[in-house]
N, C-alpha and C. Protein backbone atom coordinates (compact mmCIF):
# COMPACT_ATOMS: atom_id res chain seq x y z
N MET A 1 0.83 -1.19 0.00
CA MET A 1 0.00 0.00 0.00
C MET A 1 0.87 1.25 0.00
N HIS A 2 1.97 1.17 0.72
CA HIS A 2 2.85 2.34 0.79
C HIS A 2 3.38 2.71 -0.60
N LEU A 3 3.81 1.70 -1.36
CA LEU A 3 4.36 1.97 -2.69
C LEU A 3 3.29 2.49 -3.66
N ILE A 4 2.09 1.98 -3.52
CA ILE A 4 1.00 2.43 -4.40
C ILE A 4 0.70 3.91 -4.17
N LYS A 5 0.85 4.37 -2.96
CA LYS A 5 0.58 5.77 -2.62
C LYS A 5 1.72 6.71 -3.00
N ARG A 6 2.90 6.16 -3.26
CA ARG A 6 4.06 6.99 -3.61
C ARG A 6 3.97 7.45 -5.07
N PRO A 7 4.63 8.58 -5.38
CA PRO A 7 4.69 9.02 -6.78
C PRO A 7 5.41 7.98 -7.65
N GLU A 8 5.00 7.90 -8.91
CA GLU A 8 5.57 6.89 -9.80
C GLU A 8 7.09 7.00 -9.91
N LYS A 9 7.63 8.21 -9.91
CA LYS A 9 9.09 8.38 -10.03
C LYS A 9 9.82 7.76 -8.82
N ASP A 10 9.21 7.82 -7.64
CA ASP A 10 9.82 7.21 -6.45
C ASP A 10 9.82 5.69 -6.57
N VAL A 11 8.75 5.13 -7.07
CA VAL A 11 8.65 3.68 -7.24
C VAL A 11 9.65 3.22 -8.31
N GLN A 12 9.77 3.99 -9.39
CA GLN A 12 10.73 3.63 -10.44
C GLN A 12 12.16 3.72 -9.91
N ALA A 13 12.45 4.72 -9.08
CA ALA A 13 13.79 4.86 -8.50
C ALA A 13 14.11 3.67 -7.60
N LEU A 14 13.14 3.24 -6.82
CA LEU A 14 13.32 2.08 -5.97
C LEU A 14 13.56 0.82 -6.81
N ALA A 15 12.76 0.66 -7.84
CA ALA A 15 12.90 -0.51 -8.72
C ALA A 15 14.29 -0.52 -9.37
N GLN A 16 14.75 0.63 -9.83
CA GLN A 16 16.07 0.71 -10.45
C GLN A 16 17.17 0.43 -9.43
N ALA A 17 17.01 0.89 -8.21
CA ALA A 17 18.00 0.63 -7.16
C ALA A 17 18.09 -0.88 -6.87
N LEU A 18 16.95 -1.55 -6.87
CA LEU A 18 16.94 -3.00 -6.66
C LEU A 18 17.63 -3.74 -7.80
N ILE A 19 17.37 -3.31 -9.03
CA ILE A 19 18.00 -3.92 -10.21
C ILE A 19 19.51 -3.71 -10.16
N ASP A 20 19.94 -2.48 -9.82
CA ASP A 20 21.37 -2.18 -9.73
C ASP A 20 22.04 -3.01 -8.64
N ALA A 21 21.39 -3.15 -7.50
CA ALA A 21 21.95 -3.95 -6.40
C ALA A 21 22.10 -5.40 -6.83
N LYS A 22 21.11 -5.93 -7.50
CA LYS A 22 21.16 -7.32 -7.96
C LYS A 22 22.32 -7.53 -8.93
N LYS A 23 22.58 -6.54 -9.78
CA LYS A 23 23.67 -6.64 -10.75
C LYS A 23 25.04 -6.50 -10.09
N GLN A 24 25.15 -5.65 -9.07
CA GLN A 24 26.45 -5.32 -8.48
C GLN A 24 26.88 -6.23 -7.34
N VAL A 25 25.94 -6.82 -6.65
CA VAL A 25 26.29 -7.64 -5.48
C VAL A 25 26.41 -9.10 -5.90
N GLY A 26 27.54 -9.66 -5.52
CA GLY A 26 27.79 -11.08 -5.80
C GLY A 26 28.31 -11.74 -4.55
N LEU A 27 29.09 -12.79 -4.72
CA LEU A 27 29.66 -13.50 -3.59
C LEU A 27 31.16 -13.29 -3.53
N CYS A 28 31.68 -13.13 -2.32
CA CYS A 28 33.12 -13.04 -2.10
C CYS A 28 33.75 -14.35 -2.57
N LYS A 29 34.84 -14.26 -3.31
CA LYS A 29 35.48 -15.46 -3.84
C LYS A 29 36.25 -16.25 -2.78
N VAL A 30 36.39 -15.68 -1.58
CA VAL A 30 37.07 -16.38 -0.49
C VAL A 30 36.08 -17.06 0.44
N CYS A 31 35.11 -16.27 0.96
CA CYS A 31 34.21 -16.79 2.00
C CYS A 31 32.76 -16.97 1.54
N PHE A 32 32.41 -16.46 0.39
CA PHE A 32 31.07 -16.58 -0.20
C PHE A 32 30.01 -15.73 0.50
N HIS A 33 30.45 -14.70 1.25
CA HIS A 33 29.54 -13.72 1.83
C HIS A 33 29.17 -12.73 0.71
N LEU A 34 28.02 -12.09 0.83
CA LEU A 34 27.63 -11.09 -0.17
C LEU A 34 28.64 -9.97 -0.22
N SER A 35 28.96 -9.53 -1.43
CA SER A 35 29.96 -8.47 -1.59
C SER A 35 29.81 -7.81 -2.95
N ALA A 36 30.06 -6.52 -2.99
CA ALA A 36 30.08 -5.79 -4.26
C ALA A 36 31.48 -5.85 -4.88
N GLU A 37 32.44 -6.36 -4.13
CA GLU A 37 33.82 -6.50 -4.59
C GLU A 37 34.13 -8.00 -4.74
N PRO A 38 35.19 -8.33 -5.48
CA PRO A 38 35.55 -9.76 -5.60
C PRO A 38 35.87 -10.41 -4.24
N VAL A 39 36.47 -9.63 -3.33
CA VAL A 39 36.77 -10.09 -1.97
C VAL A 39 36.09 -9.12 -1.01
N CYS A 40 35.31 -9.66 -0.07
CA CYS A 40 34.52 -8.81 0.84
C CYS A 40 35.41 -8.05 1.84
N ASN A 41 34.80 -7.08 2.50
CA ASN A 41 35.51 -6.25 3.49
C ASN A 41 36.08 -7.08 4.63
N ILE A 42 35.36 -8.09 5.06
CA ILE A 42 35.82 -8.91 6.18
C ILE A 42 37.08 -9.68 5.80
N CYS A 43 37.08 -10.30 4.64
CA CYS A 43 38.26 -11.06 4.19
C CYS A 43 39.45 -10.15 3.91
N ARG A 44 39.20 -8.91 3.48
CA ARG A 44 40.29 -7.97 3.21
C ARG A 44 40.86 -7.35 4.47
N ASN A 45 40.12 -7.37 5.57
CA ASN A 45 40.53 -6.71 6.81
C ASN A 45 41.69 -7.48 7.47
N GLN A 46 42.87 -6.91 7.43
CA GLN A 46 44.07 -7.57 7.98
C GLN A 46 44.09 -7.57 9.51
N ASN A 47 43.20 -6.83 10.15
CA ASN A 47 43.13 -6.80 11.61
C ASN A 47 42.33 -7.95 12.19
N ARG A 48 41.71 -8.75 11.35
CA ARG A 48 40.91 -9.88 11.84
C ARG A 48 41.82 -11.07 12.11
N ASP A 49 41.36 -11.94 13.01
CA ASP A 49 42.09 -13.15 13.35
C ASP A 49 41.98 -14.12 12.18
N ARG A 50 43.07 -14.33 11.48
CA ARG A 50 43.07 -15.15 10.28
C ARG A 50 43.28 -16.63 10.58
N THR A 51 43.30 -16.99 11.86
CA THR A 51 43.48 -18.39 12.23
C THR A 51 42.17 -19.04 12.67
N THR A 52 41.08 -18.27 12.68
CA THR A 52 39.79 -18.77 13.12
C THR A 52 38.74 -18.49 12.04
N ILE A 53 37.98 -19.51 11.69
CA ILE A 53 36.90 -19.36 10.71
C ILE A 53 35.59 -19.79 11.36
N CYS A 54 34.59 -18.95 11.23
CA CYS A 54 33.24 -19.26 11.70
C CYS A 54 32.42 -19.68 10.48
N ILE A 55 31.87 -20.89 10.53
CA ILE A 55 31.11 -21.42 9.41
C ILE A 55 29.63 -21.18 9.66
N VAL A 56 28.98 -20.55 8.67
CA VAL A 56 27.55 -20.25 8.76
C VAL A 56 26.85 -20.73 7.50
N ALA A 57 25.54 -20.84 7.58
CA ALA A 57 24.76 -21.31 6.42
C ALA A 57 24.50 -20.20 5.42
N ASP A 58 24.34 -18.97 5.89
CA ASP A 58 23.82 -17.89 5.06
C ASP A 58 24.48 -16.56 5.41
N SER A 59 24.50 -15.63 4.48
CA SER A 59 25.07 -14.30 4.74
C SER A 59 24.32 -13.56 5.86
N ARG A 60 23.04 -13.86 6.04
CA ARG A 60 22.29 -13.24 7.14
C ARG A 60 22.90 -13.61 8.48
N ASP A 61 23.49 -14.81 8.56
CA ASP A 61 24.14 -15.24 9.80
C ASP A 61 25.41 -14.42 10.06
N VAL A 62 26.16 -14.11 9.01
CA VAL A 62 27.34 -13.26 9.14
C VAL A 62 26.93 -11.90 9.70
N ILE A 63 25.88 -11.33 9.13
CA ILE A 63 25.41 -10.01 9.57
C ILE A 63 24.99 -10.05 11.04
N ALA A 64 24.27 -11.10 11.43
CA ALA A 64 23.84 -11.23 12.82
C ALA A 64 25.04 -11.35 13.76
N LEU A 65 26.02 -12.17 13.40
CA LEU A 65 27.21 -12.33 14.24
C LEU A 65 28.04 -11.05 14.30
N GLU A 66 28.14 -10.35 13.20
CA GLU A 66 28.90 -9.10 13.18
C GLU A 66 28.26 -8.03 14.07
N LYS A 67 26.95 -8.06 14.20
CA LYS A 67 26.27 -7.09 15.08
C LYS A 67 26.69 -7.25 16.53
N THR A 68 27.12 -8.46 16.93
CA THR A 68 27.53 -8.67 18.32
C THR A 68 28.87 -8.02 18.63
N ARG A 69 29.67 -7.81 17.62
CA ARG A 69 31.03 -7.26 17.76
C ARG A 69 31.92 -8.11 18.65
N GLU A 70 31.60 -9.39 18.73
CA GLU A 70 32.36 -10.32 19.58
C GLU A 70 33.35 -11.15 18.78
N PHE A 71 32.99 -11.52 17.57
CA PHE A 71 33.83 -12.40 16.76
C PHE A 71 34.75 -11.58 15.89
N ARG A 72 36.05 -11.85 15.96
CA ARG A 72 37.03 -11.07 15.20
C ARG A 72 37.76 -11.92 14.16
N GLY A 73 37.26 -13.11 13.89
CA GLY A 73 37.90 -13.98 12.90
C GLY A 73 37.28 -13.80 11.53
N LEU A 74 37.44 -14.83 10.71
CA LEU A 74 36.91 -14.84 9.35
C LEU A 74 35.67 -15.73 9.29
N TYR A 75 35.00 -15.71 8.17
CA TYR A 75 33.78 -16.49 7.99
C TYR A 75 33.89 -17.38 6.76
N HIS A 76 32.99 -18.34 6.71
CA HIS A 76 32.80 -19.14 5.50
C HIS A 76 31.30 -19.41 5.40
N VAL A 77 30.68 -18.93 4.32
CA VAL A 77 29.24 -19.08 4.11
C VAL A 77 29.01 -20.30 3.22
N LEU A 78 28.26 -21.25 3.75
CA LEU A 78 28.01 -22.50 3.01
C LEU A 78 27.03 -22.33 1.86
N GLY A 79 26.10 -21.39 2.00
CA GLY A 79 25.07 -21.23 0.98
C GLY A 79 23.87 -22.12 1.23
N GLY A 80 23.69 -22.55 2.46
CA GLY A 80 22.56 -23.39 2.84
C GLY A 80 23.00 -24.51 3.75
N THR A 81 22.13 -25.50 3.90
CA THR A 81 22.44 -26.67 4.72
C THR A 81 22.12 -27.94 3.91
N ILE A 82 22.72 -29.03 4.33
CA ILE A 82 22.46 -30.30 3.67
C ILE A 82 21.00 -30.68 3.92
N SER A 83 20.27 -30.94 2.84
CA SER A 83 18.85 -31.28 2.95
C SER A 83 18.47 -32.25 1.84
N PRO A 84 18.66 -33.54 2.08
CA PRO A 84 18.34 -34.53 1.04
C PRO A 84 16.91 -34.42 0.53
N MET A 85 15.98 -34.05 1.41
CA MET A 85 14.57 -33.92 0.99
C MET A 85 14.39 -32.84 -0.07
N ASP A 86 15.26 -31.82 -0.04
CA ASP A 86 15.20 -30.74 -1.02
C ASP A 86 16.23 -30.92 -2.13
N GLY A 87 16.89 -32.06 -2.14
CA GLY A 87 17.88 -32.32 -3.18
C GLY A 87 19.18 -31.57 -2.99
N ILE A 88 19.47 -31.15 -1.75
CA ILE A 88 20.71 -30.40 -1.48
C ILE A 88 21.68 -31.31 -0.72
N GLY A 89 22.73 -31.67 -1.41
CA GLY A 89 23.78 -32.48 -0.80
C GLY A 89 25.02 -31.63 -0.58
N PRO A 90 26.06 -32.19 -0.01
CA PRO A 90 27.30 -31.44 0.25
C PRO A 90 27.89 -30.80 -1.00
N GLU A 91 27.68 -31.46 -2.16
CA GLU A 91 28.26 -30.92 -3.40
C GLU A 91 27.57 -29.65 -3.88
N GLN A 92 26.37 -29.35 -3.39
CA GLN A 92 25.68 -28.12 -3.76
C GLN A 92 26.09 -26.94 -2.86
N LEU A 93 26.83 -27.22 -1.81
CA LEU A 93 27.24 -26.18 -0.87
C LEU A 93 28.72 -25.87 -1.03
N HIS A 94 29.20 -24.83 -0.39
CA HIS A 94 30.60 -24.41 -0.48
C HIS A 94 31.45 -25.16 0.55
N ILE A 95 31.36 -26.48 0.53
CA ILE A 95 32.07 -27.29 1.51
C ILE A 95 33.47 -27.66 1.01
N SER A 96 33.61 -28.00 -0.25
CA SER A 96 34.94 -28.37 -0.76
C SER A 96 35.90 -27.19 -0.67
N SER A 97 35.43 -25.98 -0.93
CA SER A 97 36.29 -24.81 -0.81
C SER A 97 36.65 -24.54 0.66
N LEU A 98 35.75 -24.90 1.57
CA LEU A 98 36.04 -24.77 3.00
C LEU A 98 37.18 -25.72 3.38
N VAL A 99 37.10 -26.95 2.96
CA VAL A 99 38.15 -27.91 3.26
C VAL A 99 39.49 -27.44 2.69
N GLN A 100 39.47 -26.89 1.48
CA GLN A 100 40.70 -26.36 0.89
C GLN A 100 41.27 -25.21 1.72
N ARG A 101 40.39 -24.30 2.20
CA ARG A 101 40.86 -23.19 3.04
C ARG A 101 41.52 -23.70 4.31
N VAL A 102 40.86 -24.64 4.95
CA VAL A 102 41.35 -25.14 6.23
C VAL A 102 42.68 -25.89 6.06
N THR A 103 42.82 -26.64 5.00
CA THR A 103 44.04 -27.42 4.81
C THR A 103 45.20 -26.57 4.27
N LYS A 104 44.91 -25.50 3.55
CA LYS A 104 45.98 -24.67 2.97
C LYS A 104 46.42 -23.53 3.88
N GLU A 105 45.50 -23.00 4.69
CA GLU A 105 45.82 -21.87 5.55
C GLU A 105 46.13 -22.37 6.95
N GLN A 106 46.69 -21.51 7.78
CA GLN A 106 47.05 -21.87 9.16
C GLN A 106 45.85 -21.68 10.08
N ILE A 107 44.81 -22.48 9.89
CA ILE A 107 43.58 -22.36 10.67
C ILE A 107 43.72 -23.18 11.96
N LYS A 108 43.58 -22.50 13.10
CA LYS A 108 43.70 -23.16 14.40
C LYS A 108 42.35 -23.65 14.93
N GLU A 109 41.27 -22.94 14.52
CA GLU A 109 39.94 -23.33 15.00
C GLU A 109 38.88 -23.01 13.97
N VAL A 110 37.93 -23.92 13.85
CA VAL A 110 36.75 -23.71 13.04
C VAL A 110 35.57 -23.75 14.00
N ILE A 111 34.73 -22.71 13.94
CA ILE A 111 33.54 -22.62 14.78
C ILE A 111 32.32 -22.87 13.91
N LEU A 112 31.55 -23.88 14.24
CA LEU A 112 30.32 -24.17 13.49
C LEU A 112 29.18 -23.39 14.13
N ALA A 113 28.61 -22.47 13.38
CA ALA A 113 27.52 -21.62 13.87
C ALA A 113 26.31 -21.80 12.93
N ILE A 114 25.79 -23.01 12.95
CA ILE A 114 24.68 -23.36 12.07
C ILE A 114 23.46 -23.63 12.93
N SER A 115 22.32 -23.12 12.53
CA SER A 115 21.09 -23.25 13.31
C SER A 115 20.79 -24.71 13.64
N PRO A 116 20.22 -24.97 14.82
CA PRO A 116 19.99 -26.34 15.26
C PRO A 116 18.71 -26.99 14.73
N SER A 117 18.54 -26.98 13.43
CA SER A 117 17.44 -27.71 12.80
C SER A 117 17.96 -29.10 12.44
N VAL A 118 17.11 -29.95 11.93
CA VAL A 118 17.56 -31.28 11.49
C VAL A 118 18.63 -31.12 10.41
N GLU A 119 18.38 -30.25 9.46
CA GLU A 119 19.34 -30.01 8.37
C GLU A 119 20.63 -29.39 8.91
N GLY A 120 20.47 -28.45 9.85
CA GLY A 120 21.64 -27.80 10.45
C GLY A 120 22.51 -28.78 11.22
N GLU A 121 21.86 -29.68 11.96
CA GLU A 121 22.60 -30.70 12.71
C GLU A 121 23.33 -31.65 11.76
N THR A 122 22.66 -32.04 10.69
CA THR A 122 23.28 -32.92 9.70
C THR A 122 24.51 -32.24 9.11
N THR A 123 24.37 -30.98 8.74
CA THR A 123 25.47 -30.22 8.16
C THR A 123 26.61 -30.06 9.15
N THR A 124 26.28 -29.74 10.40
CA THR A 124 27.29 -29.56 11.45
C THR A 124 28.08 -30.85 11.65
N LEU A 125 27.39 -31.98 11.77
CA LEU A 125 28.07 -33.26 11.98
C LEU A 125 28.94 -33.63 10.78
N TYR A 126 28.43 -33.41 9.58
CA TYR A 126 29.17 -33.74 8.37
C TYR A 126 30.47 -32.92 8.28
N ILE A 127 30.35 -31.61 8.46
CA ILE A 127 31.53 -30.75 8.36
C ILE A 127 32.50 -31.02 9.51
N GLY A 128 31.96 -31.25 10.69
CA GLY A 128 32.81 -31.56 11.83
C GLY A 128 33.70 -32.77 11.58
N GLN A 129 33.11 -33.82 11.03
CA GLN A 129 33.87 -35.03 10.73
C GLN A 129 34.91 -34.78 9.63
N LEU A 130 34.57 -33.95 8.65
CA LEU A 130 35.52 -33.65 7.58
C LEU A 130 36.73 -32.88 8.09
N LEU A 131 36.51 -31.94 9.01
CA LEU A 131 37.56 -31.01 9.42
C LEU A 131 38.36 -31.43 10.65
N LYS A 132 37.84 -32.34 11.44
CA LYS A 132 38.54 -32.76 12.67
C LYS A 132 39.98 -33.21 12.44
N PRO A 133 40.30 -33.90 11.34
CA PRO A 133 41.70 -34.31 11.14
C PRO A 133 42.66 -33.13 10.92
N PHE A 134 42.12 -31.94 10.59
CA PHE A 134 42.97 -30.83 10.21
C PHE A 134 43.07 -29.71 11.24
N THR A 135 42.06 -29.56 12.09
CA THR A 135 42.04 -28.42 13.01
C THR A 135 41.07 -28.67 14.16
N LYS A 136 41.09 -27.78 15.12
CA LYS A 136 40.14 -27.84 16.23
C LYS A 136 38.77 -27.43 15.70
N VAL A 137 37.74 -28.21 16.02
CA VAL A 137 36.39 -27.91 15.57
C VAL A 137 35.50 -27.71 16.80
N THR A 138 34.85 -26.54 16.86
CA THR A 138 33.93 -26.24 17.96
C THR A 138 32.60 -25.82 17.38
N ARG A 139 31.59 -25.73 18.25
CA ARG A 139 30.29 -25.23 17.80
C ARG A 139 29.81 -24.23 18.84
N ILE A 140 28.97 -23.31 18.38
CA ILE A 140 28.43 -22.34 19.32
C ILE A 140 27.48 -23.03 20.28
N ALA A 141 27.37 -22.47 21.49
CA ALA A 141 26.43 -23.02 22.46
C ALA A 141 25.02 -22.55 22.10
N PHE A 142 24.05 -23.38 22.39
CA PHE A 142 22.66 -23.02 22.17
C PHE A 142 21.97 -22.97 23.52
N GLY A 143 21.03 -22.09 23.66
CA GLY A 143 20.34 -21.99 24.93
C GLY A 143 19.08 -21.18 24.82
N LEU A 144 18.78 -20.52 25.89
CA LEU A 144 17.53 -19.77 26.01
C LEU A 144 17.72 -18.32 25.61
N PRO A 145 16.75 -17.73 24.95
CA PRO A 145 16.85 -16.31 24.62
C PRO A 145 16.63 -15.46 25.87
N MET A 146 17.18 -14.25 25.85
CA MET A 146 16.94 -13.32 26.96
C MET A 146 15.44 -13.08 27.08
N GLY A 147 14.95 -13.15 28.29
CA GLY A 147 13.52 -12.94 28.53
C GLY A 147 12.69 -14.19 28.33
N GLY A 148 13.34 -15.30 27.95
CA GLY A 148 12.60 -16.55 27.74
C GLY A 148 12.31 -17.25 29.06
N ASP A 149 11.20 -17.95 29.14
CA ASP A 149 10.82 -18.69 30.33
C ASP A 149 11.19 -20.15 30.15
N LEU A 150 11.76 -20.75 31.22
CA LEU A 150 12.15 -22.15 31.17
C LEU A 150 10.97 -23.07 30.86
N GLU A 151 9.80 -22.73 31.40
CA GLU A 151 8.66 -23.62 31.23
C GLU A 151 8.22 -23.75 29.78
N TYR A 152 8.57 -22.77 28.92
CA TYR A 152 8.15 -22.81 27.52
C TYR A 152 9.24 -23.37 26.59
N ALA A 153 10.42 -23.63 27.14
CA ALA A 153 11.52 -24.14 26.32
C ALA A 153 11.36 -25.64 26.10
N ASP A 154 11.74 -26.10 24.92
CA ASP A 154 11.66 -27.53 24.64
C ASP A 154 12.86 -28.25 25.28
N GLU A 155 12.77 -29.56 25.35
CA GLU A 155 13.78 -30.36 26.04
C GLU A 155 15.16 -30.24 25.41
N VAL A 156 15.21 -30.20 24.08
CA VAL A 156 16.51 -30.11 23.40
C VAL A 156 17.18 -28.78 23.72
N THR A 157 16.42 -27.70 23.70
CA THR A 157 16.98 -26.38 24.02
C THR A 157 17.49 -26.35 25.45
N LEU A 158 16.72 -26.90 26.39
CA LEU A 158 17.16 -26.93 27.78
C LEU A 158 18.42 -27.79 27.94
N ALA A 159 18.45 -28.92 27.26
CA ALA A 159 19.63 -29.79 27.35
C ALA A 159 20.86 -29.08 26.80
N ARG A 160 20.70 -28.39 25.66
CA ARG A 160 21.83 -27.66 25.07
C ARG A 160 22.26 -26.50 25.97
N ALA A 161 21.30 -25.84 26.60
CA ALA A 161 21.63 -24.74 27.52
C ALA A 161 22.47 -25.27 28.68
N LEU A 162 22.13 -26.44 29.19
CA LEU A 162 22.91 -27.03 30.27
C LEU A 162 24.30 -27.45 29.80
N GLU A 163 24.37 -28.04 28.62
CA GLU A 163 25.66 -28.47 28.07
C GLU A 163 26.58 -27.27 27.82
N GLY A 164 26.02 -26.16 27.38
CA GLY A 164 26.81 -24.98 27.02
C GLY A 164 27.08 -24.05 28.20
N ARG A 165 26.77 -24.49 29.40
CA ARG A 165 26.95 -23.61 30.56
C ARG A 165 28.43 -23.30 30.77
N ARG A 166 28.70 -22.19 31.44
CA ARG A 166 30.07 -21.82 31.76
C ARG A 166 30.12 -21.16 33.13
N GLU A 167 31.29 -21.11 33.68
CA GLU A 167 31.47 -20.57 35.03
C GLU A 167 31.23 -19.07 35.04
N LEU A 168 30.64 -18.58 36.12
CA LEU A 168 30.42 -17.14 36.26
C LEU A 168 31.75 -16.43 36.42
N ASP A 169 31.84 -15.27 35.82
CA ASP A 169 33.09 -14.49 35.92
C ASP A 169 33.24 -13.86 37.28
């Protein structure tokens, strides 16, 4: 409704901006995050920890993690998760290039930050087994959201929250 009420020139400008963005934005040739350049800003940043890679399913995950300002390493975007029901196997994802990065570079740790769905768990286990011979493999802890009530959490979330516990500072 908002666009219908706008002047036609504004709608055309928006449409052209979307077309231009689609033409200019591609994938980083190193990590496969969205980028208007051949290599994204994160991969080009020499101040980042180049010995740690955080593996995510999608560029939206990179954006979410970057908002925390906690992770200072590099990323690798898989482009999805393994989902046999949808015809997506490891060969459709950026997994072989991940293995090449880990074996060629001095990677000390790989952090798996993939959502805990059935497909995400399958992907996490698959990649973990592939990379364990080459480097330390960890996964992010899962737990309860801020403001969440224990009584509404499912058993798997509660179990993961207990497993991921840490000592108070």
